[in-house]
C-alpha cells in the first residue's frame, strides 16, 4: 500500500475529526484543529493518504520570522511505528523551507512522553518553558534548524 502526502482539504480535516479517537485516543483535541489554518496555510497542512483513507496529518504554518511551526501532527493508531510521522515531518519541513522557513518549532505538554521522544528522535532541541501557555502552564518547546533530513536524527 503506497501512502501519498498531499495538501489537506477541508473535508480531510472533517474526516480526521470524525475519527479523532484513532489519532488522539481519549484526548479531545478538537478545539486545536483550527480550520482557518488549513484555509490560510494550505501548503503546510498535509495529509498522508493510502487507498482513500487518511493515515496521518500535520497542520502547520510558516511565521514571518522564518519558523515552520507544527501546530498538530498525528498518525492513525494502526500506522504508528511505520515511519509515517517522520515522513509527514519531512514533507512539512520541505514545504516550510520552500516558503522561507529556516527552523522548525513545535510544543507539547510536559506529560506527553511520546511526543517528546518522537521529537528527540528527529534531533529537536527540547526545552521546558515555564508559563509558556499562561501562569503555571509550562510547555515543552522543540526547536530544530532546517533542512530536515528524515533519515538523520
N, C-alpha and C. Protein backbone atom coordinates (compact mmCIF):
# COMPACT_ATOMS: atom_id res chain seq x y z
N UNK A 1 0.84 -1.17 0.00
CA UNK A 1 0.00 0.00 0.00
C UNK A 1 0.89 1.24 0.00
N UNK A 2 0.70 2.09 -0.97
CA UNK A 2 1.51 3.31 -1.12
C UNK A 2 0.81 4.49 -0.47
N UNK A 3 1.53 5.19 0.39
CA UNK A 3 0.98 6.37 1.07
C UNK A 3 1.46 7.61 0.35
N UNK A 4 0.52 8.47 0.00
CA UNK A 4 0.83 9.75 -0.63
C UNK A 4 0.61 10.87 0.38
N UNK A 5 1.52 11.83 0.39
CA UNK A 5 1.35 13.00 1.25
C UNK A 5 1.00 14.18 0.35
N UNK A 6 -0.16 14.77 0.61
CA UNK A 6 -0.69 15.85 -0.22
C UNK A 6 -1.23 16.96 0.67
N UNK A 7 -1.45 18.15 0.09
CA UNK A 7 -2.07 19.22 0.88
C UNK A 7 -3.45 18.78 1.39
N UNK A 8 -3.75 19.18 2.62
CA UNK A 8 -5.03 18.84 3.24
C UNK A 8 -6.15 19.68 2.63
N UNK A 9 -7.30 19.08 2.55
CA UNK A 9 -8.52 19.79 2.16
C UNK A 9 -9.43 19.83 3.38
N UNK A 10 -10.40 20.72 3.36
CA UNK A 10 -11.30 20.85 4.50
C UNK A 10 -12.00 19.52 4.80
N UNK A 11 -12.39 18.80 3.78
CA UNK A 11 -13.07 17.52 4.01
C UNK A 11 -12.15 16.53 4.73
N UNK A 12 -10.84 16.61 4.48
CA UNK A 12 -9.89 15.74 5.18
C UNK A 12 -9.93 15.98 6.68
N UNK A 13 -9.94 17.24 7.06
CA UNK A 13 -9.95 17.57 8.49
C UNK A 13 -11.27 17.14 9.12
N UNK A 14 -12.36 17.27 8.39
CA UNK A 14 -13.65 16.79 8.90
C UNK A 14 -13.61 15.28 9.13
N UNK A 15 -12.97 14.54 8.22
CA UNK A 15 -12.84 13.08 8.38
C UNK A 15 -11.97 12.76 9.60
N UNK A 16 -10.88 13.49 9.76
CA UNK A 16 -10.00 13.29 10.92
C UNK A 16 -10.77 13.53 12.21
N UNK A 17 -11.52 14.62 12.26
CA UNK A 17 -12.26 14.94 13.48
C UNK A 17 -13.35 13.91 13.77
N UNK A 18 -13.98 13.39 12.73
CA UNK A 18 -14.99 12.35 12.92
C UNK A 18 -14.38 11.06 13.46
N UNK A 19 -13.12 10.83 13.14
CA UNK A 19 -12.43 9.60 13.54
C UNK A 19 -11.31 9.92 14.54
N UNK A 20 -11.48 10.99 15.30
CA UNK A 20 -10.42 11.54 16.14
C UNK A 20 -9.83 10.55 17.13
N UNK A 21 -10.62 9.62 17.63
CA UNK A 21 -10.10 8.65 18.61
C UNK A 21 -9.00 7.79 18.01
N UNK A 22 -8.99 7.61 16.68
CA UNK A 22 -7.95 6.81 16.02
C UNK A 22 -6.60 7.54 16.04
N UNK A 23 -6.63 8.86 16.16
CA UNK A 23 -5.41 9.67 16.16
C UNK A 23 -5.00 10.10 17.57
N UNK A 24 -5.96 10.38 18.42
CA UNK A 24 -5.68 11.01 19.70
C UNK A 24 -6.17 10.21 20.90
N UNK A 25 -6.74 9.05 20.69
CA UNK A 25 -7.22 8.25 21.81
C UNK A 25 -8.32 8.98 22.57
N UNK A 26 -8.19 9.00 23.87
CA UNK A 26 -9.20 9.61 24.74
C UNK A 26 -9.08 11.13 24.83
N UNK A 27 -7.97 11.68 24.36
CA UNK A 27 -7.79 13.14 24.46
C UNK A 27 -8.69 13.84 23.44
N UNK A 28 -9.43 14.83 23.88
CA UNK A 28 -10.31 15.58 23.00
C UNK A 28 -9.60 16.86 22.56
N UNK A 29 -8.98 16.79 21.39
CA UNK A 29 -8.22 17.93 20.87
C UNK A 29 -8.94 18.63 19.71
N UNK A 30 -10.24 18.45 19.64
CA UNK A 30 -10.98 19.08 18.54
C UNK A 30 -10.76 20.58 18.48
N UNK A 31 -10.67 21.23 19.63
CA UNK A 31 -10.54 22.69 19.65
C UNK A 31 -9.20 23.16 19.07
N UNK A 32 -8.21 22.28 18.99
CA UNK A 32 -6.91 22.66 18.42
C UNK A 32 -6.88 22.56 16.89
N UNK A 33 -7.89 21.95 16.32
CA UNK A 33 -7.95 21.78 14.86
C UNK A 33 -8.57 23.04 14.25
N UNK A 34 -7.76 24.06 14.16
CA UNK A 34 -8.22 25.36 13.68
C UNK A 34 -8.34 25.32 12.15
N UNK A 35 -9.56 25.31 11.68
CA UNK A 35 -9.78 25.18 10.24
C UNK A 35 -9.22 26.38 9.48
N UNK A 36 -9.13 27.53 10.13
CA UNK A 36 -8.55 28.70 9.47
C UNK A 36 -7.11 28.43 9.05
N UNK A 37 -6.38 27.62 9.81
CA UNK A 37 -5.00 27.29 9.41
C UNK A 37 -4.98 26.53 8.10
N UNK A 38 -5.92 25.64 7.92
CA UNK A 38 -5.99 24.88 6.66
C UNK A 38 -6.36 25.82 5.52
N UNK A 39 -7.30 26.71 5.77
CA UNK A 39 -7.69 27.68 4.74
C UNK A 39 -6.53 28.58 4.34
N UNK A 40 -5.82 29.11 5.32
CA UNK A 40 -4.82 30.14 5.07
C UNK A 40 -3.42 29.61 4.81
N UNK A 41 -3.11 28.40 5.27
CA UNK A 41 -1.76 27.86 5.13
C UNK A 41 -1.80 26.46 4.52
N UNK A 42 -2.57 26.33 3.46
CA UNK A 42 -2.79 25.02 2.85
C UNK A 42 -1.54 24.29 2.40
N UNK A 43 -0.49 25.01 2.06
CA UNK A 43 0.73 24.36 1.57
C UNK A 43 1.48 23.64 2.69
N UNK A 44 1.20 24.01 3.94
CA UNK A 44 1.89 23.38 5.07
C UNK A 44 0.93 22.61 5.98
N UNK A 45 -0.25 22.34 5.47
CA UNK A 45 -1.21 21.47 6.16
C UNK A 45 -1.36 20.25 5.25
N UNK A 46 -0.88 19.11 5.72
CA UNK A 46 -0.73 17.95 4.85
C UNK A 46 -1.43 16.73 5.43
N UNK A 47 -1.84 15.84 4.53
CA UNK A 47 -2.39 14.55 4.95
C UNK A 47 -1.62 13.43 4.25
N UNK A 48 -1.50 12.32 4.95
CA UNK A 48 -0.93 11.10 4.38
C UNK A 48 -2.11 10.18 4.09
N UNK A 49 -2.23 9.81 2.83
CA UNK A 49 -3.39 9.08 2.38
C UNK A 49 -2.96 7.80 1.66
N UNK A 50 -3.68 6.72 1.94
CA UNK A 50 -3.50 5.46 1.21
C UNK A 50 -4.88 4.86 1.01
N UNK A 51 -5.14 4.47 -0.22
CA UNK A 51 -6.43 3.87 -0.55
C UNK A 51 -7.60 4.72 -0.05
N UNK A 52 -7.51 6.02 -0.25
CA UNK A 52 -8.55 6.98 0.13
C UNK A 52 -8.84 7.04 1.62
N UNK A 53 -7.92 6.56 2.44
CA UNK A 53 -8.03 6.71 3.88
C UNK A 53 -6.91 7.60 4.37
N UNK A 54 -7.20 8.43 5.35
CA UNK A 54 -6.19 9.30 5.92
C UNK A 54 -5.48 8.54 7.04
N UNK A 55 -4.18 8.39 6.88
CA UNK A 55 -3.38 7.66 7.86
C UNK A 55 -2.64 8.58 8.82
N UNK A 56 -2.50 9.85 8.46
CA UNK A 56 -1.84 10.81 9.32
C UNK A 56 -1.97 12.20 8.74
N UNK A 57 -1.62 13.19 9.54
CA UNK A 57 -1.72 14.57 9.06
C UNK A 57 -0.83 15.48 9.90
N UNK A 58 -0.56 16.62 9.32
CA UNK A 58 0.17 17.68 10.02
C UNK A 58 -0.50 19.01 9.66
N UNK A 59 -0.68 19.84 10.66
CA UNK A 59 -1.21 21.19 10.46
C UNK A 59 -0.15 22.15 10.97
N UNK A 60 0.31 23.01 10.10
CA UNK A 60 1.35 23.95 10.49
C UNK A 60 1.38 25.14 9.56
N UNK A 61 2.31 26.04 9.84
CA UNK A 61 2.45 27.26 9.03
C UNK A 61 3.85 27.81 9.21
N UNK A 62 4.19 28.80 8.40
CA UNK A 62 5.47 29.48 8.47
C UNK A 62 5.24 30.89 9.01
N UNK A 63 5.98 31.25 10.05
CA UNK A 63 5.84 32.58 10.63
C UNK A 63 6.61 33.60 9.79
N UNK A 64 6.29 34.89 9.95
CA UNK A 64 7.04 35.91 9.21
C UNK A 64 8.54 35.90 9.54
N UNK A 65 8.91 35.40 10.72
CA UNK A 65 10.32 35.35 11.11
C UNK A 65 11.05 34.12 10.57
N UNK A 66 10.35 33.30 9.78
CA UNK A 66 11.01 32.15 9.16
C UNK A 66 11.03 30.88 9.99
N UNK A 67 10.03 30.71 10.84
CA UNK A 67 9.91 29.49 11.63
C UNK A 67 8.76 28.66 11.09
N UNK A 68 9.02 27.41 10.79
CA UNK A 68 7.97 26.47 10.42
C UNK A 68 7.40 25.90 11.71
N UNK A 69 6.20 26.30 12.05
CA UNK A 69 5.57 25.90 13.31
C UNK A 69 4.61 24.74 13.07
N UNK A 70 4.85 23.63 13.73
CA UNK A 70 3.97 22.47 13.65
C UNK A 70 2.95 22.59 14.78
N UNK A 71 1.73 22.87 14.39
CA UNK A 71 0.65 23.04 15.36
C UNK A 71 0.12 21.68 15.83
N UNK A 72 -0.09 20.76 14.91
CA UNK A 72 -0.55 19.40 15.22
C UNK A 72 0.09 18.42 14.25
N UNK A 73 0.44 17.26 14.74
CA UNK A 73 0.86 16.15 13.88
C UNK A 73 0.36 14.88 14.55
N UNK A 74 -0.23 14.01 13.74
CA UNK A 74 -0.77 12.76 14.31
C UNK A 74 -0.78 11.68 13.23
N UNK A 75 -0.58 10.46 13.69
CA UNK A 75 -0.76 9.29 12.82
C UNK A 75 -1.85 8.41 13.42
N UNK A 76 -2.56 7.74 12.54
CA UNK A 76 -3.64 6.86 12.98
C UNK A 76 -3.06 5.68 13.75
N UNK A 77 -3.80 5.17 14.70
CA UNK A 77 -3.30 4.13 15.60
C UNK A 77 -2.74 2.90 14.88
N UNK A 78 -3.26 2.56 13.72
CA UNK A 78 -2.77 1.37 13.01
C UNK A 78 -1.57 1.64 12.11
N UNK A 79 -1.06 2.88 12.12
CA UNK A 79 0.11 3.21 11.30
C UNK A 79 1.31 3.63 12.14
N UNK A 80 1.17 3.65 13.44
CA UNK A 80 2.27 4.08 14.31
C UNK A 80 3.41 3.07 14.24
N UNK A 81 4.61 3.60 14.29
CA UNK A 81 5.80 2.75 14.23
C UNK A 81 6.23 2.40 12.82
N UNK A 82 5.58 2.98 11.82
CA UNK A 82 5.92 2.68 10.43
C UNK A 82 6.82 3.73 9.80
N UNK A 83 7.11 4.81 10.53
CA UNK A 83 7.90 5.90 9.97
C UNK A 83 7.04 6.98 9.33
N UNK A 84 5.72 6.83 9.39
CA UNK A 84 4.84 7.81 8.75
C UNK A 84 4.96 9.18 9.40
N UNK A 85 5.04 9.25 10.71
CA UNK A 85 5.20 10.55 11.38
C UNK A 85 6.46 11.25 10.93
N UNK A 86 7.53 10.49 10.78
CA UNK A 86 8.80 11.03 10.30
C UNK A 86 8.65 11.55 8.86
N UNK A 87 7.93 10.80 8.02
CA UNK A 87 7.71 11.24 6.63
C UNK A 87 6.85 12.50 6.58
N UNK A 88 5.83 12.57 7.43
CA UNK A 88 5.00 13.77 7.48
C UNK A 88 5.82 14.98 7.91
N UNK A 89 6.67 14.81 8.91
CA UNK A 89 7.52 15.91 9.36
C UNK A 89 8.46 16.35 8.23
N UNK A 90 9.02 15.39 7.52
CA UNK A 90 9.92 15.72 6.42
C UNK A 90 9.18 16.49 5.32
N UNK A 91 7.96 16.07 5.02
CA UNK A 91 7.16 16.76 3.99
C UNK A 91 6.82 18.18 4.45
N UNK A 92 6.46 18.32 5.73
CA UNK A 92 6.19 19.65 6.26
C UNK A 92 7.45 20.51 6.20
N UNK A 93 8.58 19.96 6.63
CA UNK A 93 9.84 20.71 6.63
C UNK A 93 10.19 21.18 5.23
N UNK A 94 9.99 20.31 4.25
CA UNK A 94 10.28 20.68 2.86
C UNK A 94 9.37 21.81 2.40
N UNK A 95 8.07 21.71 2.69
CA UNK A 95 7.12 22.76 2.30
C UNK A 95 7.44 24.07 3.01
N UNK A 96 7.77 23.99 4.29
CA UNK A 96 8.09 25.20 5.05
C UNK A 96 9.38 25.84 4.54
N UNK A 97 10.37 25.01 4.24
CA UNK A 97 11.64 25.51 3.71
C UNK A 97 11.43 26.26 2.39
N UNK A 98 10.59 25.71 1.54
CA UNK A 98 10.28 26.37 0.25
C UNK A 98 9.60 27.72 0.47
N UNK A 99 8.97 27.90 1.62
CA UNK A 99 8.32 29.17 1.93
C UNK A 99 9.19 30.09 2.77
N UNK A 100 10.45 29.73 2.93
CA UNK A 100 11.39 30.62 3.62
C UNK A 100 11.71 30.26 5.04
N UNK A 101 11.16 29.17 5.57
CA UNK A 101 11.48 28.77 6.94
C UNK A 101 12.92 28.28 7.01
N UNK A 102 13.59 28.61 8.09
CA UNK A 102 14.97 28.16 8.31
C UNK A 102 15.11 27.39 9.62
N UNK A 103 13.98 27.24 10.32
CA UNK A 103 13.97 26.47 11.56
C UNK A 103 12.55 25.93 11.76
N UNK A 104 12.46 24.89 12.59
CA UNK A 104 11.17 24.31 12.95
C UNK A 104 10.93 24.49 14.43
N UNK A 105 9.66 24.55 14.80
CA UNK A 105 9.27 24.67 16.20
C UNK A 105 7.97 23.92 16.40
N UNK A 106 7.84 23.32 17.56
CA UNK A 106 6.59 22.68 17.99
C UNK A 106 6.55 22.74 19.51
N UNK A 107 5.38 22.53 20.07
CA UNK A 107 5.25 22.49 21.53
C UNK A 107 4.37 21.31 21.92
N UNK A 108 4.50 20.90 23.16
CA UNK A 108 3.61 19.90 23.76
C UNK A 108 3.57 20.12 25.25
N UNK A 109 2.73 19.38 25.91
CA UNK A 109 2.66 19.45 27.38
C UNK A 109 3.77 18.58 27.97
N UNK A 110 4.24 18.93 29.15
CA UNK A 110 5.34 18.17 29.77
C UNK A 110 5.04 16.69 29.98
N UNK A 111 3.79 16.30 30.09
CA UNK A 111 3.44 14.91 30.30
C UNK A 111 3.34 14.06 29.05
N UNK A 112 3.55 14.66 27.89
CA UNK A 112 3.39 13.92 26.63
C UNK A 112 4.72 13.26 26.25
N UNK A 113 5.02 12.16 26.93
CA UNK A 113 6.30 11.46 26.74
C UNK A 113 6.48 10.96 25.32
N UNK A 114 5.40 10.54 24.67
CA UNK A 114 5.51 10.02 23.29
C UNK A 114 5.96 11.13 22.35
N UNK A 115 5.36 12.30 22.46
CA UNK A 115 5.75 13.43 21.60
C UNK A 115 7.19 13.86 21.88
N UNK A 116 7.56 13.90 23.14
CA UNK A 116 8.92 14.32 23.49
C UNK A 116 9.94 13.34 22.90
N UNK A 117 9.69 12.05 23.04
CA UNK A 117 10.60 11.04 22.48
C UNK A 117 10.66 11.13 20.97
N UNK A 118 9.51 11.33 20.32
CA UNK A 118 9.47 11.44 18.86
C UNK A 118 10.29 12.63 18.39
N UNK A 119 10.09 13.78 18.98
CA UNK A 119 10.83 14.97 18.57
C UNK A 119 12.33 14.83 18.84
N UNK A 120 12.66 14.22 19.95
CA UNK A 120 14.09 13.97 20.23
C UNK A 120 14.68 13.07 19.14
N UNK A 121 13.92 12.06 18.70
CA UNK A 121 14.43 11.15 17.68
C UNK A 121 14.67 11.86 16.35
N UNK A 122 14.00 12.98 16.15
CA UNK A 122 14.21 13.79 14.94
C UNK A 122 15.30 14.83 15.13
N UNK A 123 15.93 14.85 16.28
CA UNK A 123 17.03 15.77 16.52
C UNK A 123 16.63 17.14 17.02
N UNK A 124 15.42 17.28 17.51
CA UNK A 124 14.99 18.57 18.05
C UNK A 124 15.66 18.82 19.39
N UNK A 125 15.95 20.08 19.67
CA UNK A 125 16.36 20.52 20.99
C UNK A 125 15.08 20.63 21.81
N UNK A 126 15.12 20.12 23.02
CA UNK A 126 13.95 20.09 23.89
C UNK A 126 14.18 21.02 25.07
N UNK A 127 13.22 21.92 25.29
CA UNK A 127 13.34 22.90 26.38
C UNK A 127 11.99 23.02 27.09
N UNK A 128 12.00 22.97 28.41
CA UNK A 128 10.77 23.21 29.18
C UNK A 128 10.72 24.70 29.49
N UNK A 129 9.62 25.33 29.11
CA UNK A 129 9.46 26.77 29.31
C UNK A 129 8.29 26.98 30.28
N UNK A 130 8.63 27.48 31.48
CA UNK A 130 7.59 27.78 32.47
C UNK A 130 6.68 28.89 31.97
N UNK A 131 5.42 28.79 32.31
CA UNK A 131 4.40 29.81 31.99
C UNK A 131 4.24 30.05 30.49
N UNK A 132 4.67 29.13 29.64
CA UNK A 132 4.58 29.32 28.18
C UNK A 132 3.13 29.57 27.75
N UNK A 133 2.21 28.84 28.35
CA UNK A 133 0.81 28.94 27.96
C UNK A 133 -0.02 29.66 29.03
N UNK A 134 0.65 30.51 29.82
CA UNK A 134 -0.01 31.24 30.89
C UNK A 134 0.58 30.84 32.24
N UNK A 135 0.23 31.55 33.28
CA UNK A 135 0.79 31.28 34.61
C UNK A 135 0.57 29.82 35.02
N UNK A 136 1.66 29.18 35.41
CA UNK A 136 1.59 27.80 35.86
C UNK A 136 1.39 26.77 34.76
N UNK A 137 1.49 27.18 33.51
CA UNK A 137 1.26 26.27 32.39
C UNK A 137 2.52 26.12 31.54
N UNK A 138 3.42 25.30 32.04
CA UNK A 138 4.67 25.04 31.32
C UNK A 138 4.38 24.26 30.05
N UNK A 139 5.24 24.41 29.07
CA UNK A 139 5.17 23.64 27.83
C UNK A 139 6.58 23.20 27.47
N UNK A 140 6.65 22.09 26.77
CA UNK A 140 7.91 21.63 26.20
C UNK A 140 7.99 22.25 24.81
N UNK A 141 9.06 22.98 24.56
CA UNK A 141 9.25 23.66 23.28
C UNK A 141 10.37 22.93 22.53
N UNK A 142 10.08 22.57 21.28
CA UNK A 142 11.04 21.88 20.43
C UNK A 142 11.54 22.85 19.36
N UNK A 143 12.86 22.84 19.12
CA UNK A 143 13.47 23.67 18.06
C UNK A 143 14.40 22.79 17.24
N UNK A 144 14.47 23.09 15.97
CA UNK A 144 15.44 22.42 15.09
C UNK A 144 15.66 23.28 13.86
N UNK A 145 16.91 23.37 13.45
CA UNK A 145 17.23 24.10 12.21
C UNK A 145 16.86 23.26 11.00
N UNK A 146 16.61 23.94 9.90
CA UNK A 146 16.36 23.28 8.62
C UNK A 146 17.61 23.36 7.78
N UNK A 147 17.79 22.51 6.81
CA UNK A 147 16.84 21.49 6.35
C UNK A 147 16.80 20.29 7.27
N UNK A 148 15.70 19.56 7.19
CA UNK A 148 15.48 18.36 7.98
C UNK A 148 15.63 17.16 7.08
N UNK A 149 16.56 16.29 7.40
CA UNK A 149 16.75 15.05 6.66
C UNK A 149 16.09 13.94 7.46
N UNK A 150 14.98 13.36 6.95
CA UNK A 150 14.26 12.36 7.73
C UNK A 150 15.09 11.12 8.04
N UNK A 151 16.16 10.89 7.33
CA UNK A 151 17.00 9.71 7.57
C UNK A 151 18.03 9.97 8.66
N UNK A 152 18.23 11.23 9.02
CA UNK A 152 19.23 11.58 10.01
C UNK A 152 18.56 12.18 11.25
N UNK A 153 18.96 11.76 12.43
CA UNK A 153 18.43 12.41 13.64
C UNK A 153 19.04 13.79 13.82
